[in-house]
Amino acid sequence: MLTPWSHAEVCHTLALDFRVRRPGQVNPTVRMVGLLFAQSRLRIAREEIVPNLTYFHHRSGDKIDFFCAGYGRYWYPQQEDQEAVTEDDKPWLFSLSLFGRFRDEVEQLSTWKYSGEADLLLMNAHIDPQQASARLDFNSAVVCDLEQMKRDDAITSVPRFFEDIFRYAGKAPADDPAWGFSDKMGLHVAGSALKRVVLSLLPRKLDEDYRRAEHFAIRDIGPAA
């Protein structure tokens, strides 16, 4: 669980982490990335996200990176509007200005508009170790409106849904984490590969119309044509 200061900083962090975690690998690879937008004042953030930030940070592993907009630890220099949101010795902090800055940038890079609640954006990041660079593939991006998914009984809790994502990412092929799994599940739905992945993680009892339709709780957000 990393702090995104900007789109450029996210790409820099991905490239740097790749060199540290996978030294010697020469072929370009793909990693799933999650961008989480959930203001600390929201109930779902207070009850389901903030208490689990440290766990999410360690659990996400080597095949997926979660960047949690506005949250971080050990900030230097300090942000003028930062507030402690946990009671740890080194607490997690939240900055509304950092959150807003990154939200605005991502909105410009995609067709996504922040819901005002808790949004998880999933996409592929393409990493080229030879060029020491990384890029976020917004053409593959899908947004999960977490609060709406809870209201729809599509997920029981955010931690459980994230755990399913982490487990999938850990088992997915290293060269293309968004393919394969959904095909094995036998789903035939419209939208991107990542949308099929998300739907394949949801309970089987969901109505087929929910899975097939371009439902607003789970939708593609690639750049507008």
Protein backbone atom coordinates (compact mmCIF):
# COMPACT_ATOMS: atom_id res chain seq x y z
CA MET A 1 0.00 0.00 0.00
CA LEU A 2 1.91 2.98 -1.32
CA THR A 3 1.30 6.73 -1.37
CA PRO A 4 0.71 8.17 -4.85
CA TRP A 5 1.92 11.75 -5.13
CA SER A 6 1.35 11.88 -8.89
CA HIS A 7 1.02 9.69 -11.96
CA ALA A 8 4.73 10.18 -12.68
CA GLU A 9 5.65 9.18 -9.11
CA VAL A 10 3.55 6.00 -9.37
CA CYS A 11 5.35 4.99 -12.57
CA HIS A 12 8.72 5.79 -11.00
CA THR A 13 7.90 3.72 -7.91
CA LEU A 14 6.78 0.75 -10.01
CA ALA A 15 9.98 0.79 -12.06
CA LEU A 16 12.17 1.17 -8.96
CA ASP A 17 10.40 -1.59 -7.04
CA PHE A 18 10.70 -3.93 -9.99
CA ARG A 19 14.48 -3.55 -10.02
CA VAL A 20 14.63 -4.22 -6.27
CA ARG A 21 12.21 -7.14 -6.14
CA ARG A 22 13.06 -8.86 -9.43
CA PRO A 23 16.75 -8.22 -10.13
CA GLY A 24 18.13 -9.84 -13.25
CA GLN A 25 14.81 -10.24 -15.07
CA VAL A 26 15.28 -8.85 -18.58
CA ASN A 27 11.91 -9.31 -20.24
CA PRO A 28 9.21 -6.66 -19.96
CA THR A 29 6.45 -7.76 -17.65
CA VAL A 30 2.97 -6.78 -16.53
CA ARG A 31 1.78 -6.16 -13.00
CA MET A 32 -1.71 -5.47 -11.77
CA VAL A 33 -2.07 -2.09 -10.05
CA GLY A 34 -4.84 -0.81 -7.81
CA LEU A 35 -5.51 2.88 -7.22
CA LEU A 36 -7.73 3.29 -4.18
CA PHE A 37 -9.67 6.50 -3.62
CA ALA A 38 -11.45 6.60 -0.24
CA GLN A 39 -11.41 9.71 1.92
CA SER A 40 -10.61 9.02 5.55
CA ARG A 41 -13.88 10.59 6.75
CA LEU A 42 -15.98 7.93 5.01
CA ARG A 43 -17.44 5.19 7.18
CA ILE A 44 -16.21 2.44 4.85
CA ALA A 45 -12.70 3.89 5.10
CA ARG A 46 -12.78 4.20 8.91
CA GLU A 47 -14.17 0.70 9.46
CA GLU A 48 -12.82 -1.45 6.62
CA ILE A 49 -9.86 0.25 4.94
CA VAL A 50 -7.83 2.31 7.43
CA PRO A 51 -7.61 -0.46 10.10
CA ASN A 52 -6.22 -2.79 7.42
CA LEU A 53 -3.73 -0.48 5.69
CA THR A 54 -0.69 -2.21 7.16
CA TYR A 55 -2.05 -5.65 6.30
CA PHE A 56 -2.89 -4.57 2.73
CA HIS A 57 0.62 -3.16 2.40
CA HIS A 58 2.28 -6.46 3.31
CA ARG A 59 -0.31 -8.78 1.74
CA SER A 60 -0.29 -7.27 -1.74
CA GLY A 61 2.99 -9.05 -2.54
CA ASP A 62 5.12 -8.88 -5.66
CA LYS A 63 2.48 -9.20 -8.39
CA ILE A 64 0.17 -6.35 -7.47
CA ASP A 65 0.71 -2.87 -6.04
CA PHE A 66 -2.00 -0.85 -4.33
CA PHE A 67 -1.60 2.93 -4.23
CA CYS A 68 -3.94 4.51 -1.68
CA ALA A 69 -4.58 8.13 -2.61
CA GLY A 70 -3.84 10.56 0.20
CA TYR A 71 -2.55 7.97 2.69
CA GLY A 72 1.00 7.34 3.79
CA ARG A 73 3.53 7.09 6.59
CA TYR A 74 6.92 8.66 7.39
CA TRP A 75 6.23 11.75 5.28
CA TYR A 76 8.99 14.29 4.88
CA PRO A 77 8.42 17.12 4.50
CA GLN A 78 5.17 17.08 6.39
CA GLN A 79 1.96 18.00 4.61
CA GLU A 80 0.19 21.04 6.05
CA ASP A 81 -3.18 19.26 6.15
CA GLN A 82 -2.01 15.79 7.18
CA GLU A 83 -3.91 14.02 9.96
CA ALA A 84 -3.19 10.80 11.81
CA VAL A 85 -5.86 8.18 11.09
CA THR A 86 -4.46 5.31 13.18
CA GLU A 87 -3.08 5.11 16.70
CA ASP A 88 0.12 3.22 15.82
CA ASP A 89 3.47 4.43 17.11
CA LYS A 90 4.12 5.52 13.52
CA PRO A 91 0.54 6.24 12.45
CA TRP A 92 -0.91 6.17 8.99
CA LEU A 93 -1.59 9.70 7.80
CA PHE A 94 -4.11 11.21 5.41
CA SER A 95 -3.82 14.40 3.37
CA LEU A 96 -6.88 15.70 1.57
CA SER A 97 -4.75 17.93 -0.66
CA LEU A 98 -2.64 14.97 -1.85
CA PHE A 99 -5.81 12.97 -2.36
CA GLY A 100 -7.39 15.73 -4.44
CA ARG A 101 -4.28 16.35 -6.52
CA PHE A 102 -3.97 12.71 -7.55
CA ARG A 103 -7.75 12.34 -8.10
CA ASP A 104 -7.73 15.27 -10.52
CA GLU A 105 -4.79 13.85 -12.46
CA VAL A 106 -6.33 10.38 -12.83
CA GLU A 107 -9.64 11.89 -13.93
CA GLN A 108 -7.78 13.63 -16.74
CA LEU A 109 -6.10 10.39 -17.82
CA SER A 110 -9.29 8.31 -18.01
CA THR A 111 -13.07 8.58 -18.27
CA TRP A 112 -13.38 7.93 -14.54
CA LYS A 113 -14.95 10.55 -12.30
CA TYR A 114 -14.65 10.11 -8.56
CA SER A 115 -17.93 8.90 -7.04
CA GLY A 116 -17.35 10.72 -3.75
CA GLU A 117 -17.35 7.38 -1.94
CA ALA A 118 -14.77 4.56 -2.18
CA ASP A 119 -13.49 3.72 -5.66
CA LEU A 120 -10.93 1.07 -6.56
CA LEU A 121 -9.33 1.41 -9.99
CA LEU A 122 -7.64 -1.73 -11.30
CA MET A 123 -5.35 -1.70 -14.33
CA ASN A 124 -2.23 -3.23 -15.79
CA ALA A 125 1.15 -1.60 -15.40
CA HIS A 126 3.68 -2.43 -18.12
CA ILE A 127 7.23 -2.50 -16.80
CA ASP A 128 10.31 -2.53 -19.01
CA PRO A 129 13.39 -3.28 -16.89
CA GLN A 130 15.72 -2.62 -19.82
CA GLN A 131 14.46 0.95 -20.03
CA ALA A 132 13.98 1.21 -16.24
CA SER A 133 10.49 2.56 -16.88
CA ALA A 134 6.85 1.75 -16.22
CA ARG A 135 3.52 2.98 -17.54
CA LEU A 136 -0.05 2.60 -16.38
CA ASP A 137 -2.35 1.15 -19.04
CA PHE A 138 -5.57 3.12 -18.62
CA ASN A 139 -6.99 1.31 -21.66
CA SER A 140 -7.21 -1.78 -19.44
CA ALA A 141 -8.63 0.09 -16.44
CA VAL A 142 -11.82 -0.81 -14.62
CA VAL A 143 -13.40 0.93 -11.62
CA CYS A 144 -15.08 -0.86 -8.73
CA ASP A 145 -17.48 1.34 -6.78
CA LEU A 146 -16.95 -0.42 -3.46
CA GLU A 147 -19.86 1.09 -1.56
CA GLN A 148 -22.30 0.41 -4.40
CA MET A 149 -21.02 -3.16 -4.66
CA LYS A 150 -21.74 -3.60 -0.95
CA ARG A 151 -25.24 -2.19 -1.38
CA ASP A 152 -25.76 -4.64 -4.26
CA ASP A 153 -24.50 -7.55 -2.09
CA ALA A 154 -21.81 -8.12 -4.71
CA ILE A 155 -19.20 -8.09 -1.93
CA THR A 156 -19.57 -8.71 1.79
CA SER A 157 -16.64 -6.51 2.84
CA VAL A 158 -13.75 -4.57 1.36
CA PRO A 159 -11.06 -6.66 3.13
CA ARG A 160 -12.55 -9.89 1.78
CA PHE A 161 -12.78 -8.50 -1.75
CA PHE A 162 -9.19 -7.23 -1.59
CA GLU A 163 -8.05 -10.63 -0.29
CA ASP A 164 -9.61 -12.27 -3.35
CA ILE A 165 -7.78 -9.80 -5.60
CA PHE A 166 -4.44 -10.41 -3.84
CA ARG A 167 -4.92 -14.18 -4.10
CA TYR A 168 -5.77 -13.97 -7.79
CA ALA A 169 -2.78 -11.74 -8.50
CA GLY A 170 -0.48 -14.14 -6.68
CA LYS A 171 -1.58 -17.03 -8.91
CA ALA A 172 -1.82 -15.16 -12.20
CA PRO A 173 0.79 -15.59 -14.96
CA ALA A 174 3.66 -13.15 -14.48
CA ASP A 175 3.57 -11.92 -18.08
CA ASP A 176 -0.15 -11.09 -18.17
CA PRO A 177 -2.05 -11.13 -14.86
CA ALA A 178 -5.34 -10.02 -16.41
CA TRP A 179 -5.86 -13.05 -18.67
CA GLY A 180 -6.38 -16.76 -18.18
CA PHE A 181 -8.23 -16.87 -14.89
CA SER A 182 -11.46 -15.35 -16.18
CA ASP A 183 -11.44 -17.58 -19.25
CA LYS A 184 -11.16 -20.65 -17.03
CA MET A 185 -14.18 -19.44 -15.10
CA GLY A 186 -16.19 -19.68 -18.31
CA LEU A 187 -17.69 -16.20 -18.09
CA HIS A 188 -18.88 -14.43 -21.22
CA VAL A 189 -19.28 -10.77 -20.34
CA ALA A 190 -18.74 -7.50 -22.13
CA GLY A 191 -15.81 -5.28 -21.29
CA SER A 192 -12.12 -5.53 -20.59
CA ALA A 193 -10.19 -8.54 -19.31
CA LEU A 194 -9.89 -6.91 -15.89
CA LYS A 195 -13.64 -6.43 -15.73
CA ARG A 196 -14.05 -10.15 -16.35
CA VAL A 197 -11.54 -10.84 -13.60
CA VAL A 198 -13.49 -8.72 -11.11
CA LEU A 199 -16.80 -10.35 -12.04
CA SER A 200 -15.27 -13.80 -11.74
CA LEU A 201 -14.41 -13.04 -8.10
CA LEU A 202 -17.99 -12.16 -7.17
CA PRO A 203 -20.58 -14.57 -5.70
CA ARG A 204 -22.21 -17.00 -8.11
CA LYS A 205 -25.67 -16.03 -6.88
CA LEU A 206 -25.49 -12.63 -8.60
CA ASP A 207 -27.99 -12.21 -11.40
CA GLU A 208 -26.54 -12.77 -14.87
CA ASP A 209 -27.75 -9.33 -15.94
CA TYR A 210 -25.44 -7.86 -13.30
CA ARG A 211 -22.53 -9.77 -14.78
CA ARG A 212 -23.30 -9.07 -18.42
CA ALA A 213 -24.44 -5.44 -18.34
CA GLU A 214 -22.17 -2.42 -18.29
CA HIS A 215 -23.17 -2.01 -14.66
CA PHE A 216 -22.17 1.33 -13.18
CA ALA A 217 -20.69 -0.32 -10.07
CA ILE A 218 -18.09 -2.16 -12.20
CA ARG A 219 -17.21 -0.49 -15.47
CA ASP A 220 -14.38 0.15 -17.91
CA ILE A 221 -12.76 3.59 -17.69
CA GLY A 222 -10.25 3.71 -20.51
CA PRO A 223 -9.61 7.14 -22.07
CA ALA A 224 -12.45 8.53 -24.16
CA ALA A 225 -12.01 8.09 -27.90
